[in-house]
Amino acid sequence: MQLPSKQALIGHSPAAALNRRRIFWIAYILDRDLALRAKAPCAQLDSETDIEIPEEDPEDGIGIFYSPQGNVRFNYFRTRVQLAFIQGKAHDILYSRRAQNLTQQRLANIARLKTMLYD
């Protein structure tokens, strides 16, 4: 289906392209979540993905939550994609074969993960 590729969006209407991007990001979230829980590699590599993360302020408002008073706005979908990216990095830093061999660098990588989560 070539969902993680901008090339695959050519020829689709803007609405269809938006839906394809959203489907990819939902699959990406699920992939990262399952991979981290299973301590297994992710199926979708970040290096093979060239589409942008979901917009901060989508026109249709999908993925946006508001506080009951309406003064706080939170883009759940975009934030969940960002967390999925961090989940992939967590696997790379903590559970991958490469990480098992980098014992001295492991603490620095864990500190980097904490910084990513804080941001």
C-alpha atoms as a PDB file:
ATOM      1  CA  MET A   1       0.000   0.000   0.000  1.00  0.00           C
ATOM      2  CA  GLN A   2       3.057   2.260   0.363  1.00  0.00           C
ATOM      3  CA  LEU A   3       1.368   4.262   3.114  1.00  0.00           C
ATOM      4  CA  PRO A   4       4.585   5.769   4.563  1.00  0.00           C
ATOM      5  CA  SER A   5       5.549   7.341   1.242  1.00  0.00           C
ATOM      6  CA  LYS A   6       4.703  10.779  -0.159  1.00  0.00           C
ATOM      7  CA  GLN A   7       4.932   9.234  -3.627  1.00  0.00           C
ATOM      8  CA  ALA A   8       1.943   7.007  -2.858  1.00  0.00           C
ATOM      9  CA  LEU A   9      -0.202  10.091  -2.177  1.00  0.00           C
ATOM     10  CA  ILE A  10       0.220  11.495  -5.684  1.00  0.00           C
ATOM     11  CA  GLY A  11      -2.976  11.200  -7.693  1.00  0.00           C
ATOM     12  CA  HIS A  12      -5.263  11.013  -4.666  1.00  0.00           C
ATOM     13  CA  SER A  13      -7.688  13.723  -3.700  1.00  0.00           C
ATOM     14  CA  PRO A  14      -6.631  15.810  -0.670  1.00  0.00           C
ATOM     15  CA  ALA A  15      -9.248  14.054   1.475  1.00  0.00           C
ATOM     16  CA  ALA A  16      -8.078  10.594   0.399  1.00  0.00           C
ATOM     17  CA  ALA A  17      -4.431  11.538   0.949  1.00  0.00           C
ATOM     18  CA  LEU A  18      -5.283  12.792   4.440  1.00  0.00           C
ATOM     19  CA  ASN A  19      -7.083   9.538   5.239  1.00  0.00           C
ATOM     20  CA  ARG A  20      -4.135   7.480   3.963  1.00  0.00           C
ATOM     21  CA  ARG A  21      -1.731   9.468   6.144  1.00  0.00           C
ATOM     22  CA  ARG A  22      -3.967   8.988   9.165  1.00  0.00           C
ATOM     23  CA  ILE A  23      -4.251   5.257   8.519  1.00  0.00           C
ATOM     24  CA  PHE A  24      -0.473   5.037   8.322  1.00  0.00           C
ATOM     25  CA  TRP A  25      -0.017   6.904  11.606  1.00  0.00           C
ATOM     26  CA  ILE A  26      -2.551   4.670  13.367  1.00  0.00           C
ATOM     27  CA  ALA A  27      -0.677   1.600  12.100  1.00  0.00           C
ATOM     28  CA  TYR A  28       2.614   3.225  13.171  1.00  0.00           C
ATOM     29  CA  ILE A  29       1.270   3.783  16.696  1.00  0.00           C
ATOM     30  CA  LEU A  30       0.072   0.193  16.967  1.00  0.00           C
ATOM     31  CA  ASP A  31       3.342  -1.152  15.564  1.00  0.00           C
ATOM     32  CA  ARG A  32       5.450   0.768  18.092  1.00  0.00           C
ATOM     33  CA  ASP A  33       3.205  -0.161  20.991  1.00  0.00           C
ATOM     34  CA  LEU A  34       3.173  -3.875  20.187  1.00  0.00           C
ATOM     35  CA  ALA A  35       6.896  -3.968  19.447  1.00  0.00           C
ATOM     36  CA  LEU A  36       7.798  -2.324  22.744  1.00  0.00           C
ATOM     37  CA  ARG A  37       5.505  -4.641  24.720  1.00  0.00           C
ATOM     38  CA  ALA A  38       6.962  -7.704  22.981  1.00  0.00           C
ATOM     39  CA  LYS A  39      10.526  -6.327  23.107  1.00  0.00           C
ATOM     40  CA  ALA A  40      10.673  -7.033  19.384  1.00  0.00           C
ATOM     41  CA  PRO A  41      11.806  -4.863  16.469  1.00  0.00           C
ATOM     42  CA  CYS A  42       9.303  -2.509  14.860  1.00  0.00           C
ATOM     43  CA  ALA A  43       7.903  -3.543  11.502  1.00  0.00           C
ATOM     44  CA  GLN A  44       7.891  -0.016  10.064  1.00  0.00           C
ATOM     45  CA  LEU A  45      11.307   1.636   9.988  1.00  0.00           C
ATOM     46  CA  ASP A  46      11.533   5.386  10.565  1.00  0.00           C
ATOM     47  CA  SER A  47      14.158   5.588   7.828  1.00  0.00           C
ATOM     48  CA  GLU A  48      11.556   4.404   5.298  1.00  0.00           C
ATOM     49  CA  THR A  49       8.942   6.965   6.333  1.00  0.00           C
ATOM     50  CA  ASP A  50       8.861  10.331   4.601  1.00  0.00           C
ATOM     51  CA  ILE A  51       5.442  11.721   5.465  1.00  0.00           C
ATOM     52  CA  GLU A  52       4.929  14.480   8.005  1.00  0.00           C
ATOM     53  CA  ILE A  53       3.486  13.828  11.429  1.00  0.00           C
ATOM     54  CA  PRO A  54      -0.152  14.889  11.861  1.00  0.00           C
ATOM     55  CA  GLU A  55      -0.833  18.620  11.793  1.00  0.00           C
ATOM     56  CA  GLU A  56      -0.927  20.585  15.036  1.00  0.00           C
ATOM     57  CA  ASP A  57      -4.241  22.158  14.069  1.00  0.00           C
ATOM     58  CA  PRO A  58      -6.163  19.986  11.565  1.00  0.00           C
ATOM     59  CA  GLU A  59      -9.018  21.678   9.738  1.00  0.00           C
ATOM     60  CA  ASP A  60     -11.527  18.969  10.688  1.00  0.00           C
ATOM     61  CA  GLY A  61     -10.410  18.930  14.342  1.00  0.00           C
ATOM     62  CA  ILE A  62      -9.910  15.178  14.459  1.00  0.00           C
ATOM     63  CA  GLY A  63      -7.718  14.159  17.374  1.00  0.00           C
ATOM     64  CA  ILE A  64      -8.238  17.422  19.272  1.00  0.00           C
ATOM     65  CA  PHE A  65      -9.578  17.410  22.819  1.00  0.00           C
ATOM     66  CA  TYR A  66     -10.677  20.452  24.785  1.00  0.00           C
ATOM     67  CA  SER A  67     -11.003  20.937  28.516  1.00  0.00           C
ATOM     68  CA  PRO A  68     -14.569  21.292  29.863  1.00  0.00           C
ATOM     69  CA  GLN A  69     -14.038  25.048  30.121  1.00  0.00           C
ATOM     70  CA  GLY A  70     -12.624  25.155  26.587  1.00  0.00           C
ATOM     71  CA  ASN A  71      -9.456  26.970  27.597  1.00  0.00           C
ATOM     72  CA  VAL A  72      -7.069  23.996  27.147  1.00  0.00           C
ATOM     73  CA  ARG A  73      -6.594  22.345  23.770  1.00  0.00           C
ATOM     74  CA  PHE A  74      -4.730  19.038  23.342  1.00  0.00           C
ATOM     75  CA  ASN A  75      -3.893  17.312  20.055  1.00  0.00           C
ATOM     76  CA  TYR A  76      -4.047  13.693  21.175  1.00  0.00           C
ATOM     77  CA  PHE A  77      -3.373  12.177  17.751  1.00  0.00           C
ATOM     78  CA  ARG A  78      -0.199  14.170  17.088  1.00  0.00           C
ATOM     79  CA  THR A  79       1.069  13.607  20.630  1.00  0.00           C
ATOM     80  CA  ARG A  80       0.405   9.876  20.345  1.00  0.00           C
ATOM     81  CA  VAL A  81       2.453   9.756  17.125  1.00  0.00           C
ATOM     82  CA  GLN A  82       5.293  11.555  18.908  1.00  0.00           C
ATOM     83  CA  LEU A  83       5.096   9.065  21.775  1.00  0.00           C
ATOM     84  CA  ALA A  84       5.164   6.176  19.289  1.00  0.00           C
ATOM     85  CA  PHE A  85       8.384   7.602  17.844  1.00  0.00           C
ATOM     86  CA  ILE A  86       9.868   7.612  21.352  1.00  0.00           C
ATOM     87  CA  GLN A  87       8.667   4.036  21.875  1.00  0.00           C
ATOM     88  CA  GLY A  88      10.613   3.009  18.781  1.00  0.00           C
ATOM     89  CA  LYS A  89      13.702   4.770  20.093  1.00  0.00           C
ATOM     90  CA  ALA A  90      13.227   3.058  23.472  1.00  0.00           C
ATOM     91  CA  HIS A  91      13.360  -0.319  21.759  1.00  0.00           C
ATOM     92  CA  ASP A  92      16.467   0.672  19.828  1.00  0.00           C
ATOM     93  CA  ILE A  93      18.192   1.957  22.963  1.00  0.00           C
ATOM     94  CA  LEU A  94      17.123  -0.718  25.445  1.00  0.00           C
ATOM     95  CA  TYR A  95      16.249  -3.986  23.723  1.00  0.00           C
ATOM     96  CA  SER A  96      17.913  -4.195  20.311  1.00  0.00           C
ATOM     97  CA  ARG A  97      20.953  -6.411  19.750  1.00  0.00           C
ATOM     98  CA  ARG A  98      23.010  -3.308  19.071  1.00  0.00           C
ATOM     99  CA  ALA A  99      21.954  -1.865  22.446  1.00  0.00           C
ATOM    100  CA  GLN A 100      23.021  -5.020  24.235  1.00  0.00           C
ATOM    101  CA  ASN A 101      26.588  -4.442  23.019  1.00  0.00           C
ATOM    102  CA  LEU A 102      26.724  -0.739  23.972  1.00  0.00           C
ATOM    103  CA  THR A 103      26.822  -1.038  27.752  1.00  0.00           C
ATOM    104  CA  GLN A 104      28.806   2.162  28.398  1.00  0.00           C
ATOM    105  CA  GLN A 105      26.632   4.270  26.143  1.00  0.00           C
ATOM    106  CA  ARG A 106      23.427   2.806  27.555  1.00  0.00           C
ATOM    107  CA  LEU A 107      23.103   5.331  30.412  1.00  0.00           C
ATOM    108  CA  ALA A 108      23.593   8.260  28.047  1.00  0.00           C
ATOM    109  CA  ASN A 109      20.933   6.813  25.743  1.00  0.00           C
ATOM    110  CA  ILE A 110      18.510   6.377  28.637  1.00  0.00           C
ATOM    111  CA  ALA A 111      19.077  10.019  29.615  1.00  0.00           C
ATOM    112  CA  ARG A 112      18.337  10.976  26.003  1.00  0.00           C
ATOM    113  CA  LEU A 113      15.047   9.050  26.192  1.00  0.00           C
ATOM    114  CA  LYS A 114      14.086  10.899  29.366  1.00  0.00           C
ATOM    115  CA  THR A 115      14.744  14.195  27.627  1.00  0.00           C
ATOM    116  CA  MET A 116      12.583  13.160  24.668  1.00  0.00           C
ATOM    117  CA  LEU A 117       9.734  12.241  26.990  1.00  0.00           C
ATOM    118  CA  TYR A 118      10.064  15.481  28.910  1.00  0.00           C
ATOM    119  CA  ASP A 119       9.941  17.529  25.688  1.00  0.00           C
END
